[in-house]
Structures are given as C-alpha cells and as structure tokens.
Amino acid sequence: MGTKKVSTPTIYQAEVKEDPNTKELYFNLPSGLLESLGWTEEDELEWYKTHEGHWALRKVLLAKEPKDPARGERIKEENLSDTVKEIIKKD
C-alpha cells in the first residue's frame, strides 16, 4: 500500500512599508517563496479576490508564456486580438 504525501501550508508574514517619495505601500516577498512559485522580482503581479472572499496574488503572464491554472495565473490582455480575449474570459 502506497503512502500519500501530505503537505502543510507555509505561512509567510511581510511588513507593509511606505515609499517615502511616492507614498505607495509595498512589501517584499521572501526569495524562497518567489523561487517556489517560479516568480522573479521582474514579474508583474496582481491582487485578485478568490471565490472564498480572500485576497491573493497571481502572476500576470504575457500571451507567449504557458498558463498554470493551479497557480491562478492569468494572461495579460494587452495586444491580443478580440477573439483571443473572449477565449481567455471563458477560462
């Protein structure tokens, strides 16, 4: 009989800071988290509301990048044809 791998959630805490010049709020994500998600500092991220009412971050992809629905990724819509935009909305 095989064993089932059980993963436990990892919780990260981040301090929200304010840019003294722009007054924009920001926080840094730990490098281990970025690496595990396959994200880099140059990636565009966005906040979105989950079906459960929570807030989450996801990577915004260029049209040429593969999409991973398990990570909640979405494809950046600028410069896409209207047909492709409609297909993406149905996803």
C-alpha atoms as a PDB file:
ATOM      1  CA  MET A   1       0.000   0.000   0.000  1.00  0.00           C
ATOM      2  CA  GLY A   2       1.435   3.408  -1.002  1.00  0.00           C
ATOM      3  CA  THR A   3       1.788   6.384   1.215  1.00  0.00           C
ATOM      4  CA  LYS A   4       0.186   9.711   0.477  1.00  0.00           C
ATOM      5  CA  LYS A   5       2.325  12.818   0.716  1.00  0.00           C
ATOM      6  CA  VAL A   6       0.623  15.403   2.885  1.00  0.00           C
ATOM      7  CA  SER A   7       1.798  18.967   2.594  1.00  0.00           C
ATOM      8  CA  THR A   8       1.300  21.532   5.277  1.00  0.00           C
ATOM      9  CA  PRO A   9       0.630  25.147   4.396  1.00  0.00           C
ATOM     10  CA  THR A  10       3.528  27.526   4.752  1.00  0.00           C
ATOM     11  CA  ILE A  11       2.739  30.936   6.144  1.00  0.00           C
ATOM     12  CA  TYR A  12       4.783  33.986   5.289  1.00  0.00           C
ATOM     13  CA  GLN A  13       4.482  37.335   7.004  1.00  0.00           C
ATOM     14  CA  ALA A  14       5.519  40.543   5.310  1.00  0.00           C
ATOM     15  CA  GLU A  15       5.835  44.019   6.727  1.00  0.00           C
ATOM     16  CA  VAL A  16       3.988  46.655   4.715  1.00  0.00           C
ATOM     17  CA  LYS A  17       6.218  49.650   4.071  1.00  0.00           C
ATOM     18  CA  GLU A  18       5.697  53.056   2.509  1.00  0.00           C
ATOM     19  CA  ASP A  19       7.901  54.501  -0.215  1.00  0.00           C
ATOM     20  CA  PRO A  20       8.998  57.909   1.132  1.00  0.00           C
ATOM     21  CA  ASN A  21       8.937  59.502  -2.340  1.00  0.00           C
ATOM     22  CA  THR A  22       5.740  58.119  -3.877  1.00  0.00           C
ATOM     23  CA  LYS A  23       3.868  57.253  -0.646  1.00  0.00           C
ATOM     24  CA  GLU A  24       2.927  53.926  -2.275  1.00  0.00           C
ATOM     25  CA  LEU A  25       2.645  50.922   0.013  1.00  0.00           C
ATOM     26  CA  TYR A  26       4.686  47.809  -0.720  1.00  0.00           C
ATOM     27  CA  PHE A  27       6.100  44.663   0.834  1.00  0.00           C
ATOM     28  CA  ASN A  28       8.907  42.276  -0.047  1.00  0.00           C
ATOM     29  CA  LEU A  29       8.271  38.616  -0.738  1.00  0.00           C
ATOM     30  CA  PRO A  30      10.845  36.150   0.632  1.00  0.00           C
ATOM     31  CA  SER A  31      13.222  34.782  -2.021  1.00  0.00           C
ATOM     32  CA  GLY A  32      12.303  31.195  -1.079  1.00  0.00           C
ATOM     33  CA  LEU A  33       8.654  31.923  -1.776  1.00  0.00           C
ATOM     34  CA  LEU A  34       9.441  33.548  -5.130  1.00  0.00           C
ATOM     35  CA  GLU A  35      11.602  30.576  -6.094  1.00  0.00           C
ATOM     36  CA  SER A  36       8.966  28.000  -5.108  1.00  0.00           C
ATOM     37  CA  LEU A  37       6.357  29.821  -7.205  1.00  0.00           C
ATOM     38  CA  GLY A  38       8.673  30.306 -10.171  1.00  0.00           C
ATOM     39  CA  TRP A  39       8.351  34.103  -9.845  1.00  0.00           C
ATOM     40  CA  THR A  40      11.078  36.703 -10.194  1.00  0.00           C
ATOM     41  CA  GLU A  41      11.373  40.299  -8.993  1.00  0.00           C
ATOM     42  CA  GLU A  42      10.617  41.490 -12.534  1.00  0.00           C
ATOM     43  CA  ASP A  43       7.274  39.637 -12.776  1.00  0.00           C
ATOM     44  CA  GLU A  44       4.036  41.595 -12.827  1.00  0.00           C
ATOM     45  CA  LEU A  45       1.723  40.516 -10.012  1.00  0.00           C
ATOM     46  CA  GLU A  46      -1.849  41.477  -9.288  1.00  0.00           C
ATOM     47  CA  TRP A  47      -4.266  41.124  -6.407  1.00  0.00           C
ATOM     48  CA  TYR A  48      -7.497  39.223  -7.000  1.00  0.00           C
ATOM     49  CA  LYS A  49     -10.414  38.154  -4.842  1.00  0.00           C
ATOM     50  CA  THR A  50     -10.889  34.387  -4.511  1.00  0.00           C
ATOM     51  CA  HIS A  51     -14.235  32.589  -4.609  1.00  0.00           C
ATOM     52  CA  GLU A  52     -13.985  32.270  -0.815  1.00  0.00           C
ATOM     53  CA  GLY A  53     -13.687  36.043  -0.423  1.00  0.00           C
ATOM     54  CA  HIS A  54      -9.956  36.082   0.377  1.00  0.00           C
ATOM     55  CA  TRP A  55      -7.347  38.165  -1.395  1.00  0.00           C
ATOM     56  CA  ALA A  56      -4.458  36.526  -3.250  1.00  0.00           C
ATOM     57  CA  LEU A  57      -1.614  37.405  -5.585  1.00  0.00           C
ATOM     58  CA  ARG A  58      -1.073  35.936  -9.013  1.00  0.00           C
ATOM     59  CA  LYS A  59       1.443  36.367 -11.779  1.00  0.00           C
ATOM     60  CA  VAL A  60       0.277  38.163 -14.914  1.00  0.00           C
ATOM     61  CA  LEU A  61       1.655  36.370 -17.943  1.00  0.00           C
ATOM     62  CA  LEU A  62       2.483  37.543 -21.419  1.00  0.00           C
ATOM     63  CA  ALA A  63       0.470  35.811 -24.142  1.00  0.00           C
ATOM     64  CA  LYS A  64       3.504  33.730 -25.172  1.00  0.00           C
ATOM     65  CA  GLU A  65       4.011  32.252 -21.675  1.00  0.00           C
ATOM     66  CA  PRO A  66       2.297  28.997 -20.637  1.00  0.00           C
ATOM     67  CA  LYS A  67      -0.555  29.447 -18.161  1.00  0.00           C
ATOM     68  CA  ASP A  68      -0.752  27.389 -14.964  1.00  0.00           C
ATOM     69  CA  PRO A  69      -4.377  27.488 -13.707  1.00  0.00           C
ATOM     70  CA  ALA A  70      -3.357  25.819 -10.432  1.00  0.00           C
ATOM     71  CA  ARG A  71      -1.461  28.992  -9.568  1.00  0.00           C
ATOM     72  CA  GLY A  72      -4.319  31.271 -10.572  1.00  0.00           C
ATOM     73  CA  GLU A  73      -2.257  32.851 -13.326  1.00  0.00           C
ATOM     74  CA  ARG A  74      -3.897  34.942 -15.980  1.00  0.00           C
ATOM     75  CA  ILE A  75      -2.718  36.140 -19.361  1.00  0.00           C
ATOM     76  CA  LYS A  76      -2.069  39.836 -19.904  1.00  0.00           C
ATOM     77  CA  GLU A  77      -4.713  41.037 -22.358  1.00  0.00           C
ATOM     78  CA  GLU A  78      -2.992  43.980 -23.990  1.00  0.00           C
ATOM     79  CA  ASN A  79      -2.059  43.458 -27.643  1.00  0.00           C
ATOM     80  CA  LEU A  80      -4.310  40.413 -28.001  1.00  0.00           C
ATOM     81  CA  SER A  81      -6.999  40.072 -30.637  1.00  0.00           C
ATOM     82  CA  ASP A  82     -10.651  40.380 -29.576  1.00  0.00           C
ATOM     83  CA  THR A  83     -11.159  36.677 -30.348  1.00  0.00           C
ATOM     84  CA  VAL A  84      -8.339  35.643 -28.027  1.00  0.00           C
ATOM     85  CA  LYS A  85      -9.644  37.992 -25.308  1.00  0.00           C
ATOM     86  CA  GLU A  86     -13.046  36.277 -25.488  1.00  0.00           C
ATOM     87  CA  ILE A  87     -11.450  32.837 -25.196  1.00  0.00           C
ATOM     88  CA  ILE A  88      -9.442  33.949 -22.156  1.00  0.00           C
ATOM     89  CA  LYS A  89     -12.564  35.352 -20.456  1.00  0.00           C
ATOM     90  CA  LYS A  90     -14.262  31.948 -20.813  1.00  0.00           C
ATOM     91  CA  ASP A  91     -11.320  30.256 -18.990  1.00  0.00           C
END
